Amino acid sequence: MLNDEAFQQFKEHVLAEYPRESVGVLIGEQYYRCTNTHPEPELHFRLDGKERFKKEQEFGPIRAVLHSHPYKLSDSKHFYTEKYNPAWPSVSDQASYLDDNVPWGIVATDGEGISEVNWLKEDLSLVKRPFAWFTADCYACVRDWHRDNTGIILPNFTREWQFWKQGINTIEEGIATIPFATRHPTEEAQIGDVAVIEVGGSKVVNHLGVITGGNDFLHQFVEQYAHTTGWNLWRHKTKYVVRFKDNKNAS
């Protein structure tokens, strides 16, 4: 969504604000700096509604909200051990994005450079997409397959990275909020059903995939592309399957 000029303007703003989180908006092809009004700007950001409204009144509709996640290079070793990308959205980012009506873009920065933009938006393709928490994880894979193949729009929900290590039952609780979802035994699985799985010794559900054919199972793991494998390899690991009614406008 950013042309070269807008990306450069965004980058300059990110580096100028470090170690604070920067925030700005994309209007047309132009990037506009905004003020981070959060009381803890090194940890969070807040875009004042009045400033946002003023930008729209003066320059036009906002196409995207962009902000940065600053970090210290000396503290970044755990990113590798936890397989964590600091440009992934926090739970508060996720909640605010879901309440918004435009895409969000996030970059990570050490004050010297910035990462690629991690986009939060609803039209990501399943083709050769790398894993990204919240936007291209196992639940996003399920959501996007149903969007593209059945027209069923599944609601999204926030989820903390590695919630399963804390024993938090995020996935099952999230699915339980979908009024048009029904639970069925694994042996009754059909095409389009979502397999609910505990992997890696987790005591709570921490993985999902969707049955896309007679023996086809689509899912996505950390550090992998979304891919199809044999349902027979996952059937015995599945607690149960979830089926969605033909509710194309549910949200």
C-alpha atoms as a PDB file:
ATOM      1  CA  MET A   1       0.000   0.000   0.000  1.00  0.00           C
ATOM      2  CA  LEU A   2       2.999   2.300   0.489  1.00  0.00           C
ATOM      3  CA  ASN A   3       4.848   3.674  -2.505  1.00  0.00           C
ATOM      4  CA  ASP A   4       8.590   4.356  -2.170  1.00  0.00           C
ATOM      5  CA  GLU A   5       8.128   7.987  -1.154  1.00  0.00           C
ATOM      6  CA  ALA A   6       5.536   7.240   1.512  1.00  0.00           C
ATOM      7  CA  PHE A   7       7.614   4.365   2.876  1.00  0.00           C
ATOM      8  CA  GLN A   8      10.658   6.642   3.165  1.00  0.00           C
ATOM      9  CA  GLN A   9       8.586   9.256   4.985  1.00  0.00           C
ATOM     10  CA  PHE A  10       7.268   6.603   7.352  1.00  0.00           C
ATOM     11  CA  LYS A  11      10.788   5.260   7.956  1.00  0.00           C
ATOM     12  CA  GLU A  12      12.158   8.729   8.753  1.00  0.00           C
ATOM     13  CA  HIS A  13       9.344   9.268  11.246  1.00  0.00           C
ATOM     14  CA  VAL A  14       9.907   5.878  12.906  1.00  0.00           C
ATOM     15  CA  LEU A  15      13.624   6.530  13.381  1.00  0.00           C
ATOM     16  CA  ALA A  16      13.061  10.092  14.566  1.00  0.00           C
ATOM     17  CA  GLU A  17      10.646   8.914  17.276  1.00  0.00           C
ATOM     18  CA  TYR A  18      12.784   6.012  18.549  1.00  0.00           C
ATOM     19  CA  PRO A  19      12.671   4.772  21.340  1.00  0.00           C
ATOM     20  CA  ARG A  20       9.040   5.916  21.333  1.00  0.00           C
ATOM     21  CA  GLU A  21       6.397   4.268  19.176  1.00  0.00           C
ATOM     22  CA  SER A  22       5.576   6.378  16.156  1.00  0.00           C
ATOM     23  CA  VAL A  23       2.119   6.651  14.629  1.00  0.00           C
ATOM     24  CA  GLY A  24       0.941   8.078  11.342  1.00  0.00           C
ATOM     25  CA  VAL A  25      -1.672   7.640   8.658  1.00  0.00           C
ATOM     26  CA  LEU A  26      -1.722   6.994   4.933  1.00  0.00           C
ATOM     27  CA  ILE A  27      -4.046   9.277   2.968  1.00  0.00           C
ATOM     28  CA  GLY A  28      -4.012   8.847  -0.780  1.00  0.00           C
ATOM     29  CA  GLU A  29      -0.359   8.125  -1.549  1.00  0.00           C
ATOM     30  CA  GLN A  30       0.960  10.434   1.190  1.00  0.00           C
ATOM     31  CA  TYR A  31       2.162   9.545   4.689  1.00  0.00           C
ATOM     32  CA  TYR A  32       1.233  11.975   7.459  1.00  0.00           C
ATOM     33  CA  ARG A  33       2.893  12.048  10.871  1.00  0.00           C
ATOM     34  CA  CYS A  34       0.656  12.012  13.938  1.00  0.00           C
ATOM     35  CA  THR A  35       1.318  12.462  17.642  1.00  0.00           C
ATOM     36  CA  ASN A  36       1.542   9.486  19.978  1.00  0.00           C
ATOM     37  CA  THR A  37      -0.552  10.654  22.943  1.00  0.00           C
ATOM     38  CA  HIS A  38      -0.154   7.499  25.060  1.00  0.00           C
ATOM     39  CA  PRO A  39       1.257   8.184  28.565  1.00  0.00           C
ATOM     40  CA  GLU A  40       3.791   5.368  28.011  1.00  0.00           C
ATOM     41  CA  PRO A  41       4.911   6.057  24.419  1.00  0.00           C
ATOM     42  CA  GLU A  42       7.896   3.696  24.612  1.00  0.00           C
ATOM     43  CA  LEU A  43       5.514   0.767  25.150  1.00  0.00           C
ATOM     44  CA  HIS A  44       2.258   1.746  23.439  1.00  0.00           C
ATOM     45  CA  PHE A  45       0.714   4.256  21.088  1.00  0.00           C
ATOM     46  CA  ARG A  46      -2.502   6.208  20.956  1.00  0.00           C
ATOM     47  CA  LEU A  47      -3.804   8.179  17.993  1.00  0.00           C
ATOM     48  CA  ASP A  48      -6.020  10.970  19.259  1.00  0.00           C
ATOM     49  CA  GLY A  49      -9.425  10.854  17.600  1.00  0.00           C
ATOM     50  CA  LYS A  50      -9.510  14.605  17.135  1.00  0.00           C
ATOM     51  CA  GLU A  51      -6.195  14.573  15.281  1.00  0.00           C
ATOM     52  CA  ARG A  52      -7.350  11.679  13.112  1.00  0.00           C
ATOM     53  CA  PHE A  53     -10.573  13.517  12.268  1.00  0.00           C
ATOM     54  CA  LYS A  54      -8.644  16.711  11.495  1.00  0.00           C
ATOM     55  CA  LYS A  55      -6.308  14.848   9.113  1.00  0.00           C
ATOM     56  CA  GLU A  56      -9.287  13.366   7.275  1.00  0.00           C
ATOM     57  CA  GLN A  57     -11.056  16.707   7.071  1.00  0.00           C
ATOM     58  CA  GLU A  58      -7.968  18.394   5.677  1.00  0.00           C
ATOM     59  CA  PHE A  59      -6.506  15.718   3.387  1.00  0.00           C
ATOM     60  CA  GLY A  60      -9.140  13.022   2.752  1.00  0.00           C
ATOM     61  CA  PRO A  61     -10.071   9.497   3.901  1.00  0.00           C
ATOM     62  CA  ILE A  62      -7.450   7.508   5.795  1.00  0.00           C
ATOM     63  CA  ARG A  63      -6.335   4.399   3.911  1.00  0.00           C
ATOM     64  CA  ALA A  64      -4.199   2.888   6.683  1.00  0.00           C
ATOM     65  CA  VAL A  65      -2.824   3.482  10.175  1.00  0.00           C
ATOM     66  CA  LEU A  66       0.904   2.834  10.636  1.00  0.00           C
ATOM     67  CA  HIS A  67       2.978   2.571  13.780  1.00  0.00           C
ATOM     68  CA  SER A  68       6.272   1.173  15.073  1.00  0.00           C
ATOM     69  CA  HIS A  69       7.426  -1.307  17.686  1.00  0.00           C
ATOM     70  CA  PRO A  70      10.788  -0.110  19.026  1.00  0.00           C
ATOM     71  CA  TYR A  71      13.176  -2.547  20.697  1.00  0.00           C
ATOM     72  CA  LYS A  72      16.751  -2.597  21.956  1.00  0.00           C
ATOM     73  CA  LEU A  73      19.102  -4.783  19.951  1.00  0.00           C
ATOM     74  CA  SER A  74      20.716  -5.985  23.180  1.00  0.00           C
ATOM     75  CA  ASP A  75      17.361  -7.358  24.351  1.00  0.00           C
ATOM     76  CA  SER A  76      16.432  -9.090  21.100  1.00  0.00           C
ATOM     77  CA  LYS A  77      17.956 -12.563  21.580  1.00  0.00           C
ATOM     78  CA  HIS A  78      14.668 -13.947  22.880  1.00  0.00           C
ATOM     79  CA  PHE A  79      13.054 -13.165  19.531  1.00  0.00           C
ATOM     80  CA  TYR A  80      15.003 -16.098  18.077  1.00  0.00           C
ATOM     81  CA  THR A  81      14.362 -18.540  20.913  1.00  0.00           C
ATOM     82  CA  GLU A  82      10.648 -17.716  21.031  1.00  0.00           C
ATOM     83  CA  LYS A  83      10.340 -17.487  17.219  1.00  0.00           C
ATOM     84  CA  TYR A  84       8.789 -14.082  17.707  1.00  0.00           C
ATOM     85  CA  ASN A  85       8.657 -11.213  15.241  1.00  0.00           C
ATOM     86  CA  PRO A  86       8.570  -7.844  17.057  1.00  0.00           C
ATOM     87  CA  ALA A  87       6.487  -6.417  14.194  1.00  0.00           C
ATOM     88  CA  TRP A  88       3.611  -8.745  15.129  1.00  0.00           C
ATOM     89  CA  PRO A  89       0.628  -7.006  16.753  1.00  0.00           C
ATOM     90  CA  SER A  90       0.182  -6.949  20.499  1.00  0.00           C
ATOM     91  CA  VAL A  91      -3.191  -7.891  21.957  1.00  0.00           C
ATOM     92  CA  SER A  92      -4.037  -4.194  22.307  1.00  0.00           C
ATOM     93  CA  ASP A  93      -3.003  -3.645  18.665  1.00  0.00           C
ATOM     94  CA  GLN A  94      -5.269  -6.492  17.603  1.00  0.00           C
ATOM     95  CA  ALA A  95      -8.241  -5.166  19.566  1.00  0.00           C
ATOM     96  CA  SER A  96      -7.818  -1.628  18.228  1.00  0.00           C
ATOM     97  CA  TYR A  97      -7.400  -2.882  14.661  1.00  0.00           C
ATOM     98  CA  LEU A  98     -10.580  -4.972  14.940  1.00  0.00           C
ATOM     99  CA  ASP A  99     -12.430  -1.858  16.095  1.00  0.00           C
ATOM    100  CA  ASP A 100     -11.081   0.145  13.150  1.00  0.00           C
ATOM    101  CA  ASN A 101     -12.224   0.146   9.529  1.00  0.00           C
ATOM    102  CA  VAL A 102      -8.871   0.428   7.712  1.00  0.00           C
ATOM    103  CA  PRO A 103      -5.750  -1.745   7.428  1.00  0.00           C
ATOM    104  CA  TRP A 104      -2.907  -1.305   9.895  1.00  0.00           C
ATOM    105  CA  GLY A 105       0.814  -1.530   9.195  1.00  0.00           C
ATOM    106  CA  ILE A 106       3.449  -2.248  11.853  1.00  0.00           C
ATOM    107  CA  VAL A 107       7.249  -2.181  11.656  1.00  0.00           C
ATOM    108  CA  ALA A 108       9.871  -3.137  14.216  1.00  0.00           C
ATOM    109  CA  THR A 109      12.856  -0.864  14.752  1.00  0.00           C
ATOM    110  CA  ASP A 110      16.118  -0.875  16.693  1.00  0.00           C
ATOM    111  CA  GLY A 111      16.626   2.824  16.030  1.00  0.00           C
ATOM    112  CA  GLU A 112      18.993   2.174  13.120  1.00  0.00           C
ATOM    113  CA  GLY A 113      16.633   0.670  10.576  1.00  0.00           C
ATOM    114  CA  ILE A 114      13.131  -0.759  10.263  1.00  0.00           C
ATOM    115  CA  SER A 115      11.632  -4.105   9.302  1.00  0.00           C
ATOM    116  CA  GLU A 116       9.293  -4.794   6.434  1.00  0.00           C
ATOM    117  CA  VAL A 117       5.749  -3.629   7.069  1.00  0.00           C
ATOM    118  CA  ASN A 118       3.572  -6.280   8.700  1.00  0.00           C
ATOM    119  CA  TRP A 119       0.083  -5.587   7.371  1.00  0.00           C
ATOM    120  CA  LEU A 120      -3.071  -6.244   9.333  1.00  0.00           C
ATOM    121  CA  LYS A 121      -5.855  -6.504   6.779  1.00  0.00           C
ATOM    122  CA  GLU A 122      -8.609  -8.840   5.704  1.00  0.00           C
ATOM    123  CA  ASP A 123      -7.723  -9.715   2.107  1.00  0.00           C
ATOM    124  CA  LEU A 124      -4.466 -11.654   2.483  1.00  0.00           C
ATOM    125  CA  SER A 125      -4.001 -14.490   0.003  1.00  0.00           C
ATOM    126  CA  LEU A 126      -3.304 -18.039   1.157  1.00  0.00           C
ATOM    127  CA  VAL A 127      -0.819 -18.588  -1.674  1.00  0.00           C
ATOM    128  CA  LYS A 128       2.785 -18.896  -0.441  1.00  0.00           C
ATOM    129  CA  ARG A 129       2.261 -16.634   2.536  1.00  0.00           C
ATOM    130  CA  PRO A 130       4.690 -16.882   5.451  1.00  0.00           C
ATOM    131  CA  PHE A 131       3.515 -17.268   9.023  1.00  0.00           C
ATOM    132  CA  ALA A 132       2.597 -14.073  10.881  1.00  0.00           C
ATOM    133  CA  TRP A 133       0.872 -14.011  14.232  1.00  0.00           C
ATOM    134  CA  PHE A 134      -2.806 -12.964  14.062  1.00  0.00           C
ATOM    135  CA  THR A 135      -2.808 -12.266  10.304  1.00  0.00           C
ATOM    136  CA  ALA A 136      -1.355 -15.518   8.948  1.00  0.00           C
ATOM    137  CA  ASP A 137      -1.501 -18.027  11.793  1.00  0.00           C
ATOM    138  CA  CYS A 138      -3.562 -21.211  12.025  1.00  0.00           C
ATOM    139  CA  TYR A 139      -6.862 -19.475  12.776  1.00  0.00           C
ATOM    140  CA  ALA A 140      -6.279 -16.874  10.073  1.00  0.00           C
ATOM    141  CA  CYS A 141      -5.654 -19.754   7.664  1.00  0.00           C
ATOM    142  CA  VAL A 142      -9.038 -21.255   8.569  1.00  0.00           C
ATOM    143  CA  ARG A 143     -10.781 -17.870   8.284  1.00  0.00           C
ATOM    144  CA  ASP A 144      -9.262 -17.090   4.907  1.00  0.00           C
ATOM    145  CA  TRP A 145     -10.008 -20.522   3.439  1.00  0.00           C
ATOM    146  CA  HIS A 146     -13.683 -20.185   4.389  1.00  0.00           C
ATOM    147  CA  ARG A 147     -13.801 -16.625   3.081  1.00  0.00           C
ATOM    148  CA  ASP A 148     -12.396 -17.732  -0.283  1.00  0.00           C
ATOM    149  CA  ASN A 149     -14.190 -21.084  -0.644  1.00  0.00           C
ATOM    150  CA  THR A 150     -17.511 -20.985   1.197  1.00  0.00           C
ATOM    151  CA  GLY A 151     -18.177 -17.267   1.562  1.00  0.00           C
ATOM    152  CA  ILE A 152     -18.561 -17.743   5.311  1.00  0.00           C
ATOM    153  CA  ILE A 153     -17.015 -14.854   7.240  1.00  0.00           C
ATOM    154  CA  LEU A 154     -15.679 -16.020  10.580  1.00  0.00           C
ATOM    155  CA  PRO A 155     -15.254 -13.399  13.296  1.00  0.00           C
ATOM    156  CA  ASN A 156     -11.745 -12.693  14.493  1.00  0.00           C
ATOM    157  CA  PHE A 157     -10.574 -12.527  18.102  1.00  0.00           C
ATOM    158  CA  THR A 158      -7.464 -11.353  19.918  1.00  0.00           C
ATOM    159  CA  ARG A 159      -4.801 -13.822  20.971  1.00  0.00           C
ATOM    160  CA  GLU A 160      -1.587 -13.433  22.895  1.00  0.00           C
ATOM    161  CA  TRP A 161       1.572 -14.999  21.455  1.00  0.00           C
ATOM    162  CA  GLN A 162       2.267 -18.404  23.062  1.00  0.00           C
ATOM    163  CA  PHE A 163      -0.938 -18.292  25.103  1.00  0.00           C
ATOM    164  CA  TRP A 164      -0.762 -22.081  25.304  1.00  0.00           C
ATOM    165  CA  LYS A 165       2.411 -21.914  27.434  1.00  0.00           C
ATOM    166  CA  GLN A 166       0.360 -19.987  29.995  1.00  0.00           C
ATOM    167  CA  GLY A 167      -2.420 -22.560  29.881  1.00  0.00           C
ATOM    168  CA  ILE A 168      -4.888 -20.011  28.507  1.00  0.00           C
ATOM    169  CA  ASN A 169      -7.630 -21.628  26.429  1.00  0.00           C
ATOM    170  CA  THR A 170      -7.763 -18.818  23.851  1.00  0.00           C
ATOM    171  CA  ILE A 171      -8.763 -20.789  20.747  1.00  0.00           C
ATOM    172  CA  GLU A 172     -11.624 -22.783  22.222  1.00  0.00           C
ATOM    173  CA  GLU A 173     -12.942 -19.705  24.017  1.00  0.00           C
ATOM    174  CA  GLY A 174     -12.757 -17.737  20.768  1.00  0.00           C
ATOM    175  CA  ILE A 175     -14.561 -20.388  18.744  1.00  0.00           C
ATOM    176  CA  ALA A 176     -17.217 -20.654  21.469  1.00  0.00           C
ATOM    177  CA  THR A 177     -18.229 -17.047  20.699  1.00  0.00           C
ATOM    178  CA  ILE A 178     -19.223 -17.969  17.117  1.00  0.00           C
ATOM    179  CA  PRO A 179     -23.007 -18.522  17.263  1.00  0.00           C
ATOM    180  CA  PHE A 180     -23.173 -20.484  13.998  1.00  0.00           C
ATOM    181  CA  ALA A 181     -20.487 -23.030  14.966  1.00  0.00           C
ATOM    182  CA  THR A 182     -21.353 -26.582  16.015  1.00  0.00           C
ATOM    183  CA  ARG A 183     -19.088 -29.248  17.505  1.00  0.00           C
ATOM    184  CA  HIS A 184     -18.933 -32.800  16.087  1.00  0.00           C
ATOM    185  CA  PRO A 185     -16.911 -35.967  16.798  1.00  0.00           C
ATOM    186  CA  THR A 186     -13.786 -36.364  14.703  1.00  0.00           C
ATOM    187  CA  GLU A 187     -15.158 -39.491  13.036  1.00  0.00           C
ATOM    188  CA  GLU A 188     -18.006 -37.400  11.590  1.00  0.00           C
ATOM    189  CA  ALA A 189     -15.654 -34.890   9.950  1.00  0.00           C
ATOM    190  CA  GLN A 190     -16.658 -33.390   6.601  1.00  0.00           C
ATOM    191  CA  ILE A 191     -15.021 -31.097   4.060  1.00  0.00           C
ATOM    192  CA  GLY A 192     -15.004 -27.582   5.483  1.00  0.00           C
ATOM    193  CA  ASP A 193     -14.847 -28.720   9.088  1.00  0.00           C
ATOM    194  CA  VAL A 194     -12.154 -27.248  11.324  1.00  0.00           C
ATOM    195  CA  ALA A 195      -9.996 -29.656  13.307  1.00  0.00           C
ATOM    196  CA  VAL A 196      -9.354 -28.597  16.911  1.00  0.00           C
ATOM    197  CA  ILE A 197      -5.978 -29.870  18.064  1.00  0.00           C
ATOM    198  CA  GLU A 198      -3.502 -29.924  20.956  1.00  0.00           C
ATOM    199  CA  VAL A 199       0.087 -30.294  19.748  1.00  0.00           C
ATOM    200  CA  GLY A 200       3.541 -30.260  21.317  1.00  0.00           C
ATOM    201  CA  GLY A 201       2.334 -31.473  24.693  1.00  0.00           C
ATOM    202  CA  SER A 202       0.033 -28.477  25.178  1.00  0.00           C
ATOM    203  CA  LYS A 203      -2.721 -28.873  27.756  1.00  0.00           C
ATOM    204  CA  VAL A 204      -4.972 -26.482  25.834  1.00  0.00           C
ATOM    205  CA  VAL A 205      -5.962 -26.281  22.172  1.00  0.00           C
ATOM    206  CA  ASN A 206      -3.152 -24.553  20.292  1.00  0.00           C
ATOM    207  CA  HIS A 207      -3.665 -25.501  16.647  1.00  0.00           C
ATOM    208  CA  LEU A 208      -6.388 -25.515  14.007  1.00  0.00           C
ATOM    209  CA  GLY A 209      -6.688 -26.662  10.420  1.00  0.00           C
ATOM    210  CA  VAL A 210      -9.440 -27.096   7.871  1.00  0.00           C
ATOM    211  CA  ILE A 211     -10.377 -30.239   5.933  1.00  0.00           C
ATOM    212  CA  THR A 212     -10.389 -29.178   2.295  1.00  0.00           C
ATOM    213  CA  GLY A 213     -10.807 -32.522   0.500  1.00  0.00           C
ATOM    214  CA  GLY A 214     -11.229 -36.236   1.019  1.00  0.00           C
ATOM    215  CA  ASN A 215      -7.761 -36.513   2.552  1.00  0.00           C
ATOM    216  CA  ASP A 216      -6.616 -32.891   2.324  1.00  0.00           C
ATOM    217  CA  PHE A 217      -5.853 -30.855   5.430  1.00  0.00           C
ATOM    218  CA  LEU A 218      -4.819 -27.187   5.209  1.00  0.00           C
ATOM    219  CA  HIS A 219      -3.016 -25.573   8.124  1.00  0.00           C
ATOM    220  CA  GLN A 220      -0.148 -23.258   9.043  1.00  0.00           C
ATOM    221  CA  PHE A 221       2.626 -23.539  11.626  1.00  0.00           C
ATOM    222  CA  VAL A 222       5.217 -21.059  12.856  1.00  0.00           C
ATOM    223  CA  GLU A 223       8.029 -20.589  10.295  1.00  0.00           C
ATOM    224  CA  GLN A 224       5.995 -22.374   7.603  1.00  0.00           C
ATOM    225  CA  TYR A 225       3.822 -21.409   4.691  1.00  0.00           C
ATOM    226  CA  ALA A 226       0.170 -22.361   4.707  1.00  0.00           C
ATOM    227  CA  HIS A 227       0.173 -25.838   3.175  1.00  0.00           C
ATOM    228  CA  THR A 228      -1.939 -28.929   2.564  1.00  0.00           C
ATOM    229  CA  THR A 229      -1.055 -32.322   3.986  1.00  0.00           C
ATOM    230  CA  GLY A 230      -2.907 -35.588   4.606  1.00  0.00           C
ATOM    231  CA  TRP A 231      -5.933 -35.463   6.899  1.00  0.00           C
ATOM    232  CA  ASN A 232      -5.099 -39.045   7.861  1.00  0.00           C
ATOM    233  CA  LEU A 233      -1.924 -37.697   9.536  1.00  0.00           C
ATOM    234  CA  TRP A 234      -3.930 -35.366  11.769  1.00  0.00           C
ATOM    235  CA  ARG A 235      -7.189 -37.217  12.379  1.00  0.00           C
ATOM    236  CA  HIS A 236      -5.890 -39.074  15.446  1.00  0.00           C
ATOM    237  CA  LYS A 237      -4.537 -35.843  16.976  1.00  0.00           C
ATOM    238  CA  THR A 238      -7.871 -34.020  16.667  1.00  0.00           C
ATOM    239  CA  LYS A 239     -10.087 -33.590  19.759  1.00  0.00           C
ATOM    240  CA  TYR A 240     -13.177 -32.767  17.692  1.00  0.00           C
ATOM    241  CA  VAL A 241     -14.190 -30.789  14.611  1.00  0.00           C
ATOM    242  CA  VAL A 242     -16.187 -27.590  14.315  1.00  0.00           C
ATOM    243  CA  ARG A 243     -18.692 -27.021  11.524  1.00  0.00           C
ATOM    244  CA  PHE A 244     -19.993 -23.638  10.405  1.00  0.00           C
ATOM    245  CA  LYS A 245     -23.487 -23.012   9.106  1.00  0.00           C
ATOM    246  CA  ASP A 246     -23.945 -21.240   5.807  1.00  0.00           C
ATOM    247  CA  ASN A 247     -23.909 -17.805   7.369  1.00  0.00           C
ATOM    248  CA  LYS A 248     -22.187 -15.653   4.784  1.00  0.00           C
ATOM    249  CA  ASN A 249     -22.692 -12.352   6.568  1.00  0.00           C
ATOM    250  CA  ALA A 250     -21.924 -13.388  10.132  1.00  0.00           C
ATOM    251  CA  SER A 251     -19.344 -11.280  11.924  1.00  0.00           C
END
